[in-house]
C-alpha cells in the first residue's frame, strides 16, 4: 500500500483539517508561558494542530521576551 499525502486530511486520524486557533505552552524550567488564540490548522476530529513558520517566529519572540522577564507564569494572547 502506498501512502498518499492529502493536505486537507489529518495524517494522524484522517479527519478534516480546518483553519482555527490553538493554545501554545512552553515550560521554561523556572516558569511557564501560555499563548492563547494562536492561528493554526486544526484537525476537526482529533484536535491535532499545525502552526505556520511565520506564526512560529512570532511565538519565539514572545517566549524570548517572557524568558527575560522571568515570571513564574505568563499568559498572553497572540497579537494580530
N, C-alpha and C. Protein backbone atom coordinates (compact mmCIF):
# COMPACT_ATOMS: atom_id res chain seq x y z
N UNK A 1 0.84 -1.18 0.00
CA UNK A 1 0.00 0.00 0.00
C UNK A 1 0.89 1.24 0.00
N UNK A 2 0.58 2.17 -0.85
CA UNK A 2 1.35 3.41 -0.97
C UNK A 2 0.67 4.51 -0.18
N UNK A 3 1.47 5.26 0.62
CA UNK A 3 0.93 6.38 1.38
C UNK A 3 0.81 7.58 0.46
N UNK A 4 -0.37 8.19 0.45
CA UNK A 4 -0.60 9.39 -0.34
C UNK A 4 -0.75 10.57 0.60
N UNK A 5 -0.20 11.70 0.19
CA UNK A 5 -0.28 12.90 1.01
C UNK A 5 -1.54 13.67 0.65
N UNK A 6 -2.47 13.76 1.59
CA UNK A 6 -3.69 14.53 1.41
C UNK A 6 -3.61 15.73 2.34
N UNK A 7 -3.28 16.93 1.80
CA UNK A 7 -3.05 18.09 2.66
C UNK A 7 -4.29 18.53 3.44
N UNK A 8 -5.48 18.15 3.01
CA UNK A 8 -6.69 18.55 3.72
C UNK A 8 -7.12 17.53 4.76
N UNK A 9 -6.36 16.43 4.89
CA UNK A 9 -6.68 15.38 5.85
C UNK A 9 -5.59 15.28 6.92
N UNK A 10 -6.01 15.01 8.14
CA UNK A 10 -5.06 14.84 9.24
C UNK A 10 -4.25 13.56 9.04
N UNK A 11 -2.92 13.64 9.11
CA UNK A 11 -2.10 12.44 8.96
C UNK A 11 -2.21 11.49 10.15
N UNK A 12 -2.75 11.96 11.27
CA UNK A 12 -2.87 11.12 12.46
C UNK A 12 -4.15 10.29 12.47
N UNK A 13 -5.27 10.93 12.09
CA UNK A 13 -6.55 10.22 12.20
C UNK A 13 -7.38 10.23 10.91
N UNK A 14 -6.97 11.02 9.92
CA UNK A 14 -7.71 11.10 8.67
C UNK A 14 -8.85 12.10 8.70
N UNK A 15 -9.01 12.83 9.81
CA UNK A 15 -10.06 13.84 9.91
C UNK A 15 -9.78 15.05 9.05
N UNK A 16 -10.77 15.90 8.89
CA UNK A 16 -10.63 17.10 8.08
C UNK A 16 -9.85 18.17 8.83
N UNK A 17 -8.89 18.80 8.14
CA UNK A 17 -8.13 19.91 8.73
C UNK A 17 -8.82 21.22 8.35
N UNK A 18 -8.87 22.16 9.30
CA UNK A 18 -9.50 23.45 9.04
C UNK A 18 -8.73 24.54 9.76
N UNK A 19 -8.91 25.78 9.33
CA UNK A 19 -8.27 26.91 9.98
C UNK A 19 -8.93 27.13 11.33
N UNK A 20 -8.13 27.43 12.34
CA UNK A 20 -8.66 27.65 13.67
C UNK A 20 -7.64 28.31 14.57
N UNK A 21 -7.79 28.10 15.85
CA UNK A 21 -6.89 28.66 16.86
C UNK A 21 -6.47 27.55 17.80
N UNK A 22 -5.31 27.73 18.40
CA UNK A 22 -4.81 26.76 19.37
C UNK A 22 -4.15 27.52 20.52
N UNK A 23 -3.75 26.79 21.54
CA UNK A 23 -3.01 27.35 22.66
C UNK A 23 -1.60 26.76 22.63
N UNK A 24 -0.59 27.62 22.75
CA UNK A 24 0.81 27.22 22.71
C UNK A 24 1.39 27.39 24.11
N UNK A 25 1.99 26.34 24.64
CA UNK A 25 2.52 26.36 26.01
C UNK A 25 3.99 25.94 26.00
N UNK A 26 4.81 26.67 26.77
CA UNK A 26 6.23 26.35 26.88
C UNK A 26 6.62 26.34 28.35
N UNK A 27 7.29 25.27 28.78
CA UNK A 27 7.84 25.18 30.14
C UNK A 27 9.29 25.65 30.06
N UNK A 28 9.58 26.77 30.71
CA UNK A 28 10.92 27.35 30.68
C UNK A 28 11.82 26.83 31.80
N UNK A 29 11.32 25.95 32.62
CA UNK A 29 12.10 25.44 33.74
C UNK A 29 11.81 26.21 35.01
N UNK A 30 11.88 27.54 34.94
CA UNK A 30 11.57 28.38 36.10
C UNK A 30 10.13 28.88 36.06
N UNK A 31 9.47 28.70 34.92
CA UNK A 31 8.10 29.17 34.77
C UNK A 31 7.49 28.66 33.48
N UNK A 32 6.27 29.10 33.23
CA UNK A 32 5.51 28.63 32.07
C UNK A 32 4.98 29.83 31.29
N UNK A 33 5.03 29.73 29.97
CA UNK A 33 4.43 30.73 29.09
C UNK A 33 3.28 30.07 28.36
N UNK A 34 2.12 30.72 28.38
CA UNK A 34 0.94 30.23 27.67
C UNK A 34 0.49 31.33 26.71
N UNK A 35 0.41 30.98 25.43
CA UNK A 35 -0.06 31.93 24.43
C UNK A 35 -1.38 31.38 23.88
N UNK A 36 -2.43 32.16 24.06
CA UNK A 36 -3.76 31.74 23.61
C UNK A 36 -4.08 32.35 22.25
N UNK A 37 -5.07 31.77 21.58
CA UNK A 37 -5.57 32.28 20.29
C UNK A 37 -4.50 32.33 19.21
N UNK A 38 -3.69 31.29 19.13
CA UNK A 38 -2.64 31.19 18.12
C UNK A 38 -3.26 30.64 16.83
N UNK A 39 -3.13 31.36 15.70
CA UNK A 39 -3.67 30.84 14.44
C UNK A 39 -2.99 29.52 14.08
N UNK A 40 -3.80 28.54 13.68
CA UNK A 40 -3.26 27.23 13.35
C UNK A 40 -4.22 26.49 12.44
N UNK A 41 -3.73 25.42 11.86
CA UNK A 41 -4.59 24.48 11.16
C UNK A 41 -4.89 23.38 12.17
N UNK A 42 -6.18 23.08 12.37
CA UNK A 42 -6.59 22.17 13.43
C UNK A 42 -7.43 21.04 12.85
N UNK A 43 -7.18 19.81 13.29
CA UNK A 43 -7.99 18.67 12.88
C UNK A 43 -9.33 18.73 13.60
N UNK A 44 -10.41 18.67 12.85
CA UNK A 44 -11.75 18.73 13.42
C UNK A 44 -12.09 17.47 14.22
N UNK A 45 -11.37 16.38 13.97
CA UNK A 45 -11.68 15.12 14.64
C UNK A 45 -10.85 14.89 15.90
N UNK A 46 -9.53 14.98 15.79
CA UNK A 46 -8.68 14.64 16.94
C UNK A 46 -8.08 15.86 17.64
N UNK A 47 -8.16 17.04 17.02
CA UNK A 47 -7.65 18.26 17.65
C UNK A 47 -6.17 18.52 17.44
N UNK A 48 -5.47 17.68 16.69
CA UNK A 48 -4.07 17.93 16.40
C UNK A 48 -3.95 19.27 15.68
N UNK A 49 -2.84 19.98 15.91
CA UNK A 49 -2.71 21.29 15.30
C UNK A 49 -1.34 21.49 14.67
N UNK A 50 -1.30 22.40 13.68
CA UNK A 50 -0.09 22.73 12.96
C UNK A 50 0.02 24.24 12.89
N UNK A 51 1.20 24.77 13.20
CA UNK A 51 1.44 26.21 13.23
C UNK A 51 2.39 26.56 12.09
N UNK A 52 2.06 27.60 11.32
CA UNK A 52 2.90 28.02 10.20
C UNK A 52 4.20 28.66 10.71
N UNK A 53 5.21 28.67 9.84
CA UNK A 53 6.53 29.20 10.20
C UNK A 53 6.48 30.66 10.64
N UNK A 54 5.68 31.48 9.96
CA UNK A 54 5.62 32.90 10.32
C UNK A 54 5.03 33.08 11.72
N UNK A 55 4.06 32.26 12.07
CA UNK A 55 3.46 32.31 13.40
C UNK A 55 4.47 31.80 14.43
N UNK A 56 5.21 30.76 14.08
CA UNK A 56 6.23 30.21 14.98
C UNK A 56 7.29 31.26 15.31
N UNK A 57 7.66 32.07 14.33
CA UNK A 57 8.66 33.12 14.58
C UNK A 57 8.13 34.13 15.59
N UNK A 58 6.85 34.48 15.50
CA UNK A 58 6.25 35.39 16.48
C UNK A 58 6.21 34.75 17.86
N UNK A 59 5.91 33.46 17.91
CA UNK A 59 5.88 32.75 19.20
C UNK A 59 7.27 32.73 19.84
N UNK A 60 8.30 32.54 19.04
CA UNK A 60 9.67 32.54 19.57
C UNK A 60 9.99 33.88 20.22
N UNK A 61 9.57 34.98 19.60
CA UNK A 61 9.82 36.31 20.17
C UNK A 61 9.06 36.47 21.49
N UNK A 62 7.81 36.02 21.53
CA UNK A 62 7.02 36.10 22.76
C UNK A 62 7.70 35.32 23.88
N UNK A 63 8.18 34.12 23.58
CA UNK A 63 8.83 33.28 24.58
C UNK A 63 10.15 33.90 25.03
N UNK A 64 10.92 34.45 24.09
CA UNK A 64 12.19 35.10 24.46
C UNK A 64 11.94 36.30 25.38
N UNK A 65 10.91 37.10 25.07
CA UNK A 65 10.56 38.24 25.92
C UNK A 65 10.14 37.78 27.32
N UNK A 66 9.36 36.71 27.38
CA UNK A 66 8.91 36.17 28.67
C UNK A 66 10.09 35.63 29.47
N UNK A 67 11.04 35.00 28.78
CA UNK A 67 12.23 34.45 29.45
C UNK A 67 13.02 35.57 30.12
N UNK A 68 13.10 36.73 29.47
CA UNK A 68 13.83 37.87 30.03
C UNK A 68 13.15 38.41 31.28
N UNK A 69 11.81 38.36 31.32
CA UNK A 69 11.07 38.88 32.47
C UNK A 69 11.09 37.92 33.66
N UNK A 70 11.37 36.64 33.42
CA UNK A 70 11.50 35.63 34.48
C UNK A 70 10.24 35.49 35.35
N UNK A 71 9.05 35.67 34.77
CA UNK A 71 7.81 35.44 35.53
C UNK A 71 7.59 33.94 35.72
N UNK A 72 6.96 33.59 36.82
CA UNK A 72 6.63 32.19 37.07
C UNK A 72 5.60 31.70 36.07
N UNK A 73 4.56 32.51 35.83
CA UNK A 73 3.54 32.19 34.85
C UNK A 73 3.25 33.43 34.04
N UNK A 74 3.22 33.28 32.71
CA UNK A 74 2.85 34.40 31.85
C UNK A 74 1.83 33.88 30.85
N UNK A 75 0.67 34.50 30.82
CA UNK A 75 -0.38 34.13 29.88
C UNK A 75 -0.67 35.34 29.01
N UNK A 76 -0.66 35.13 27.70
CA UNK A 76 -0.91 36.22 26.77
C UNK A 76 -1.72 35.69 25.59
N UNK A 77 -2.18 36.59 24.74
CA UNK A 77 -2.84 36.19 23.51
C UNK A 77 -1.95 36.58 22.33
N UNK A 78 -2.14 35.89 21.24
CA UNK A 78 -1.33 36.14 20.04
C UNK A 78 -1.70 37.49 19.46
N UNK A 79 -0.72 38.39 19.29
CA UNK A 79 -1.02 39.69 18.68
C UNK A 79 -1.37 39.52 17.21
N UNK A 80 -2.15 40.42 16.71
CA UNK A 80 -2.58 40.36 15.31
C UNK A 80 -1.46 40.62 14.35
